[in-house]
């Protein structure tokens, strides 16, 4: 069974990279919310006047408003 899993991972490495990445994000979100980090980030953004923007394409292309 482990051998089949290894073969499957080697056959589809990008799929497994994506699956692992999504699982990490799903596991981090509750920790982020339960520790109050979201409040700290929000307060820091308000203090600095930086607009919250999750669109990384805008950030890297310099087309931020």
PDB file of N, CA and C in Angstrom:
ATOM      1  N   UNK A   1       0.829  -1.199   0.000  1.00  0.00           N
ATOM      2  CA  UNK A   1       0.000   0.000   0.000  1.00  0.00           C
ATOM      3  C   UNK A   1       0.871   1.260   0.000  1.00  0.00           C
ATOM      4  N   UNK A   2       1.904   1.272   0.815  1.00  0.00           N
ATOM      5  CA  UNK A   2       2.804   2.418   0.848  1.00  0.00           C
ATOM      6  C   UNK A   2       3.527   2.586  -0.485  1.00  0.00           C
ATOM      7  N   UNK A   3       3.866   1.476  -1.097  1.00  0.00           N
ATOM      8  CA  UNK A   3       4.538   1.518  -2.392  1.00  0.00           C
ATOM      9  C   UNK A   3       3.618   2.129  -3.449  1.00  0.00           C
ATOM     10  N   UNK A   4       2.337   1.785  -3.432  1.00  0.00           N
ATOM     11  CA  UNK A   4       1.379   2.348  -4.388  1.00  0.00           C
ATOM     12  C   UNK A   4       1.228   3.849  -4.173  1.00  0.00           C
ATOM     13  N   UNK A   5       1.206   4.248  -2.915  1.00  0.00           N
ATOM     14  CA  UNK A   5       1.094   5.663  -2.583  1.00  0.00           C
ATOM     15  C   UNK A   5       2.313   6.425  -3.094  1.00  0.00           C
ATOM     16  N   UNK A   6       3.491   5.872  -2.894  1.00  0.00           N
ATOM     17  CA  UNK A   6       4.722   6.496  -3.365  1.00  0.00           C
ATOM     18  C   UNK A   6       4.725   6.640  -4.881  1.00  0.00           C
ATOM     19  N   UNK A   7       4.274   5.616  -5.563  1.00  0.00           N
ATOM     20  CA  UNK A   7       4.201   5.671  -7.029  1.00  0.00           C
ATOM     21  C   UNK A   7       3.227   6.763  -7.461  1.00  0.00           C
ATOM     22  N   UNK A   8       2.093   6.851  -6.795  1.00  0.00           N
ATOM     23  CA  UNK A   8       1.093   7.857  -7.139  1.00  0.00           C
ATOM     24  C   UNK A   8       1.634   9.269  -6.901  1.00  0.00           C
ATOM     25  N   UNK A   9       2.347   9.458  -5.796  1.00  0.00           N
ATOM     26  CA  UNK A   9       2.920  10.775  -5.504  1.00  0.00           C
ATOM     27  C   UNK A   9       3.959  11.144  -6.563  1.00  0.00           C
ATOM     28  N   UNK A  10       4.781  10.191  -6.951  1.00  0.00           N
ATOM     29  CA  UNK A  10       5.782  10.469  -7.981  1.00  0.00           C
ATOM     30  C   UNK A  10       5.145  10.729  -9.342  1.00  0.00           C
ATOM     31  N   UNK A  11       4.011  10.118  -9.596  1.00  0.00           N
ATOM     32  CA  UNK A  11       3.332  10.290 -10.880  1.00  0.00           C
ATOM     33  C   UNK A  11       2.648  11.656 -10.971  1.00  0.00           C
ATOM     34  N   UNK A  12       2.141  12.163  -9.858  1.00  0.00           N
ATOM     35  CA  UNK A  12       1.402  13.435  -9.827  1.00  0.00           C
ATOM     36  C   UNK A  12       1.966  14.372  -8.753  1.00  0.00           C
ATOM     37  N   UNK A  13       3.192  14.841  -8.899  1.00  0.00           N
ATOM     38  CA  UNK A  13       3.792  15.658  -7.832  1.00  0.00           C
ATOM     39  C   UNK A  13       3.105  17.007  -7.629  1.00  0.00           C
ATOM     40  N   UNK A  14       2.651  17.649  -8.693  1.00  0.00           N
ATOM     41  CA  UNK A  14       2.001  18.949  -8.536  1.00  0.00           C
ATOM     42  C   UNK A  14       0.654  18.829  -7.829  1.00  0.00           C
ATOM     43  N   UNK A  15      -0.042  17.750  -8.092  1.00  0.00           N
ATOM     44  CA  UNK A  15      -1.313  17.514  -7.403  1.00  0.00           C
ATOM     45  C   UNK A  15      -1.078  17.380  -5.917  1.00  0.00           C
ATOM     46  N   UNK A  16      -0.058  16.636  -5.537  1.00  0.00           N
ATOM     47  CA  UNK A  16       0.230  16.453  -4.113  1.00  0.00           C
ATOM     48  C   UNK A  16       0.744  17.731  -3.476  1.00  0.00           C
ATOM     49  N   UNK A  17       1.510  18.512  -4.215  1.00  0.00           N
ATOM     50  CA  UNK A  17       1.958  19.805  -3.718  1.00  0.00           C
ATOM     51  C   UNK A  17       0.744  20.688  -3.416  1.00  0.00           C
ATOM     52  N   UNK A  18      -0.218  20.716  -4.323  1.00  0.00           N
ATOM     53  CA  UNK A  18      -1.419  21.513  -4.137  1.00  0.00           C
ATOM     54  C   UNK A  18      -2.221  21.015  -2.938  1.00  0.00           C
ATOM     55  N   UNK A  19      -2.410  19.720  -2.825  1.00  0.00           N
ATOM     56  CA  UNK A  19      -3.177  19.143  -1.716  1.00  0.00           C
ATOM     57  C   UNK A  19      -2.526  19.487  -0.379  1.00  0.00           C
ATOM     58  N   UNK A  20      -1.224  19.317  -0.292  1.00  0.00           N
ATOM     59  CA  UNK A  20      -0.518  19.617   0.962  1.00  0.00           C
ATOM     60  C   UNK A  20      -0.597  21.104   1.277  1.00  0.00           C
ATOM     61  N   UNK A  21      -0.457  21.963   0.274  1.00  0.00           N
ATOM     62  CA  UNK A  21      -0.542  23.409   0.491  1.00  0.00           C
ATOM     63  C   UNK A  21      -1.910  23.815   1.024  1.00  0.00           C
ATOM     64  N   UNK A  22      -2.959  23.275   0.441  1.00  0.00           N
ATOM     65  CA  UNK A  22      -4.316  23.595   0.890  1.00  0.00           C
ATOM     66  C   UNK A  22      -4.541  23.098   2.318  1.00  0.00           C
ATOM     67  N   UNK A  23      -4.065  21.915   2.632  1.00  0.00           N
ATOM     68  CA  UNK A  23      -4.222  21.386   3.989  1.00  0.00           C
ATOM     69  C   UNK A  23      -3.487  22.243   5.019  1.00  0.00           C
ATOM     70  N   UNK A  24      -2.312  22.741   4.672  1.00  0.00           N
ATOM     71  CA  UNK A  24      -1.578  23.616   5.590  1.00  0.00           C
ATOM     72  C   UNK A  24      -2.380  24.884   5.858  1.00  0.00           C
ATOM     73  N   UNK A  25      -2.925  25.475   4.816  1.00  0.00           N
ATOM     74  CA  UNK A  25      -3.726  26.693   4.993  1.00  0.00           C
ATOM     75  C   UNK A  25      -4.949  26.410   5.856  1.00  0.00           C
ATOM     76  N   UNK A  26      -5.614  25.302   5.607  1.00  0.00           N
ATOM     77  CA  UNK A  26      -6.801  24.949   6.394  1.00  0.00           C
ATOM     78  C   UNK A  26      -6.436  24.750   7.862  1.00  0.00           C
ATOM     79  N   UNK A  27      -5.273  24.213   8.140  1.00  0.00           N
ATOM     80  CA  UNK A  27      -4.851  24.003   9.522  1.00  0.00           C
ATOM     81  C   UNK A  27      -4.406  25.299  10.193  1.00  0.00           C
ATOM     82  N   UNK A  28      -3.874  26.232   9.426  1.00  0.00           N
ATOM     83  CA  UNK A  28      -3.383  27.487  10.000  1.00  0.00           C
ATOM     84  C   UNK A  28      -4.517  28.454  10.337  1.00  0.00           C
ATOM     85  N   UNK A  29      -5.588  28.456   9.577  1.00  0.00           N
ATOM     86  CA  UNK A  29      -6.678  29.420   9.781  1.00  0.00           C
ATOM     87  C   UNK A  29      -7.249  29.369  11.198  1.00  0.00           C
ATOM     88  N   UNK A  30      -7.609  28.204  11.744  1.00  0.00           N
ATOM     89  CA  UNK A  30      -8.138  28.200  13.117  1.00  0.00           C
ATOM     90  C   UNK A  30      -7.119  28.704  14.148  1.00  0.00           C
ATOM     91  N   UNK A  31      -5.856  28.375  13.959  1.00  0.00           N
ATOM     92  CA  UNK A  31      -4.820  28.861  14.880  1.00  0.00           C
ATOM     93  C   UNK A  31      -4.740  30.375  14.810  1.00  0.00           C
ATOM     94  N   UNK A  32      -4.770  30.905  13.606  1.00  0.00           N
ATOM     95  CA  UNK A  32      -4.727  32.350  13.390  1.00  0.00           C
ATOM     96  C   UNK A  32      -5.897  33.038  14.092  1.00  0.00           C
ATOM     97  N   UNK A  33      -7.093  32.471  13.954  1.00  0.00           N
ATOM     98  CA  UNK A  33      -8.275  33.084  14.548  1.00  0.00           C
ATOM     99  C   UNK A  33      -8.337  32.888  16.065  1.00  0.00           C
ATOM    100  N   UNK A  34      -7.966  31.726  16.556  1.00  0.00           N
ATOM    101  CA  UNK A  34      -8.062  31.442  17.994  1.00  0.00           C
ATOM    102  C   UNK A  34      -7.010  32.163  18.825  1.00  0.00           C
ATOM    103  N   UNK A  35      -5.885  32.516  18.225  1.00  0.00           N
ATOM    104  CA  UNK A  35      -4.836  33.206  18.980  1.00  0.00           C
ATOM    105  C   UNK A  35      -4.989  34.717  18.966  1.00  0.00           C
ATOM    106  N   UNK A  36      -5.927  35.226  18.183  1.00  0.00           N
ATOM    107  CA  UNK A  36      -6.142  36.661  18.122  1.00  0.00           C
ATOM    108  C   UNK A  36      -5.211  37.368  17.154  1.00  0.00           C
ATOM    109  N   UNK A  37      -4.519  36.620  16.344  1.00  0.00           N
ATOM    110  CA  UNK A  37      -3.596  37.222  15.385  1.00  0.00           C
ATOM    111  C   UNK A  37      -4.343  38.074  14.358  1.00  0.00           C
ATOM    112  N   UNK A  38      -5.577  37.702  14.064  1.00  0.00           N
ATOM    113  CA  UNK A  38      -6.355  38.484  13.092  1.00  0.00           C
ATOM    114  C   UNK A  38      -6.606  39.902  13.594  1.00  0.00           C
ATOM    115  N   UNK A  39      -6.837  40.043  14.888  1.00  0.00           N
ATOM    116  CA  UNK A  39      -7.061  41.365  15.477  1.00  0.00           C
ATOM    117  C   UNK A  39      -5.769  42.180  15.409  1.00  0.00           C
ATOM    118  N   UNK A  40      -4.647  41.549  15.721  1.00  0.00           N
ATOM    119  CA  UNK A  40      -3.359  42.244  15.683  1.00  0.00           C
ATOM    120  C   UNK A  40      -3.032  42.719  14.271  1.00  0.00           C
ATOM    121  N   UNK A  41      -3.275  41.899  13.277  1.00  0.00           N
ATOM    122  CA  UNK A  41      -3.008  42.281  11.892  1.00  0.00           C
ATOM    123  C   UNK A  41      -3.931  43.428  11.479  1.00  0.00           C
ATOM    124  N   UNK A  42      -5.195  43.340  11.863  1.00  0.00           N
ATOM    125  CA  UNK A  42      -6.144  44.403  11.528  1.00  0.00           C
ATOM    126  C   UNK A  42      -5.740  45.728  12.172  1.00  0.00           C
ATOM    127  N   UNK A  43      -5.336  45.684  13.431  1.00  0.00           N
ATOM    128  CA  UNK A  43      -4.901  46.907  14.123  1.00  0.00           C
ATOM    129  C   UNK A  43      -3.651  47.489  13.469  1.00  0.00           C
ATOM    130  N   UNK A  44      -2.716  46.631  13.077  1.00  0.00           N
ATOM    131  CA  UNK A  44      -1.497  47.105  12.428  1.00  0.00           C
ATOM    132  C   UNK A  44      -1.806  47.749  11.081  1.00  0.00           C
ATOM    133  N   UNK A  45      -2.717  47.150  10.328  1.00  0.00           N
ATOM    134  CA  UNK A  45      -3.089  47.730   9.034  1.00  0.00           C
ATOM    135  C   UNK A  45      -3.771  49.084   9.221  1.00  0.00           C
ATOM    136  N   UNK A  46      -4.620  49.200  10.238  1.00  0.00           N
ATOM    137  CA  UNK A  46      -5.284  50.474  10.492  1.00  0.00           C
ATOM    138  C   UNK A  46      -4.277  51.541  10.924  1.00  0.00           C
ATOM    139  N   UNK A  47      -3.308  51.155  11.750  1.00  0.00           N
ATOM    140  CA  UNK A  47      -2.300  52.103  12.226  1.00  0.00           C
ATOM    141  C   UNK A  47      -1.444  52.639  11.087  1.00  0.00           C
ATOM    142  N   UNK A  48      -1.064  51.767  10.180  1.00  0.00           N
ATOM    143  CA  UNK A  48      -0.185  52.172   9.091  1.00  0.00           C
ATOM    144  C   UNK A  48      -0.932  52.801   7.926  1.00  0.00           C
ATOM    145  N   UNK A  49      -2.235  52.594   7.878  1.00  0.00           N
ATOM    146  CA  UNK A  49      -3.029  53.138   6.788  1.00  0.00           C
ATOM    147  C   UNK A  49      -2.956  52.314   5.516  1.00  0.00           C
ATOM    148  N   UNK A  50      -2.403  51.122   5.627  1.00  0.00           N
ATOM    149  CA  UNK A  50      -2.311  50.248   4.455  1.00  0.00           C
ATOM    150  C   UNK A  50      -3.668  49.592   4.227  1.00  0.00           C
ATOM    151  N   UNK A  51      -4.116  49.639   2.988  1.00  0.00           N
ATOM    152  CA  UNK A  51      -5.393  49.019   2.646  1.00  0.00           C
ATOM    153  C   UNK A  51      -5.206  47.510   2.553  1.00  0.00           C
ATOM    154  N   UNK A  52      -6.108  46.764   3.173  1.00  0.00           N
ATOM    155  CA  UNK A  52      -6.029  45.304   3.112  1.00  0.00           C
ATOM    156  C   UNK A  52      -6.401  44.857   1.712  1.00  0.00           C
ATOM    157  N   UNK A  53      -5.499  44.118   1.081  1.00  0.00           N
ATOM    158  CA  UNK A  53      -5.727  43.656  -0.282  1.00  0.00           C
ATOM    159  C   UNK A  53      -5.089  42.281  -0.435  1.00  0.00           C
ATOM    160  N   UNK A  54      -5.882  41.306  -0.821  1.00  0.00           N
ATOM    161  CA  UNK A  54      -5.350  39.966  -0.986  1.00  0.00           C
ATOM    162  C   UNK A  54      -5.006  39.651  -2.436  1.00  0.00           C
ATOM    163  N   UNK A  55      -5.163  40.592  -3.303  1.00  0.00           N
ATOM    164  CA  UNK A  55      -4.876  40.369  -4.710  1.00  0.00           C
ATOM    165  C   UNK A  55      -3.386  40.576  -4.953  1.00  0.00           C
ATOM    166  N   UNK A  56      -2.623  39.486  -4.933  1.00  0.00           N
ATOM    167  CA  UNK A  56      -1.173  39.589  -5.068  1.00  0.00           C
ATOM    168  C   UNK A  56      -0.756  40.044  -6.455  1.00  0.00           C
ATOM    169  N   UNK A  57      -1.605  39.827  -7.429  1.00  0.00           N
ATOM    170  CA  UNK A  57      -1.268  40.279  -8.784  1.00  0.00           C
ATOM    171  C   UNK A  57      -1.179  41.798  -8.796  1.00  0.00           C
ATOM    172  N   UNK A  58      -2.085  42.477  -8.136  1.00  0.00           N
ATOM    173  CA  UNK A  58      -2.041  43.934  -8.077  1.00  0.00           C
ATOM    174  C   UNK A  58      -0.793  44.403  -7.357  1.00  0.00           C
ATOM    175  N   UNK A  59      -0.410  43.706  -6.314  1.00  0.00           N
ATOM    176  CA  UNK A  59       0.769  44.116  -5.551  1.00  0.00           C
ATOM    177  C   UNK A  59       2.023  44.028  -6.418  1.00  0.00           C
ATOM    178  N   UNK A  60       2.188  42.928  -7.138  1.00  0.00           N
ATOM    179  CA  UNK A  60       3.419  42.722  -7.907  1.00  0.00           C
ATOM    180  C   UNK A  60       3.456  43.528  -9.203  1.00  0.00           C
ATOM    181  N   UNK A  61       2.291  43.912  -9.723  1.00  0.00           N
ATOM    182  CA  UNK A  61       2.307  44.694 -10.961  1.00  0.00           C
ATOM    183  C   UNK A  61       2.341  46.191 -10.692  1.00  0.00           C
ATOM    184  N   UNK A  62       2.208  46.561  -9.429  1.00  0.00           N
ATOM    185  CA  UNK A  62       2.266  47.971  -9.079  1.00  0.00           C
ATOM    186  C   UNK A  62       0.990  48.721  -9.360  1.00  0.00           C
ATOM    187  N   UNK A  63      -0.123  48.031  -9.557  1.00  0.00           N
ATOM    188  CA  UNK A  63      -1.380  48.697  -9.878  1.00  0.00           C
ATOM    189  C   UNK A  63      -2.265  48.844  -8.652  1.00  0.00           C
ATOM    190  N   UNK A  64      -1.648  49.001  -7.497  1.00  0.00           N
ATOM    191  CA  UNK A  64      -2.429  49.201  -6.273  1.00  0.00           C
ATOM    192  C   UNK A  64      -3.055  50.594  -6.308  1.00  0.00           C
ATOM    193  N   UNK A  65      -4.272  50.727  -5.811  1.00  0.00           N
ATOM    194  CA  UNK A  65      -4.916  52.060  -5.816  1.00  0.00           C
ATOM    195  C   UNK A  65      -4.257  53.022  -4.869  1.00  0.00           C
TER     196      UNK A  65
END
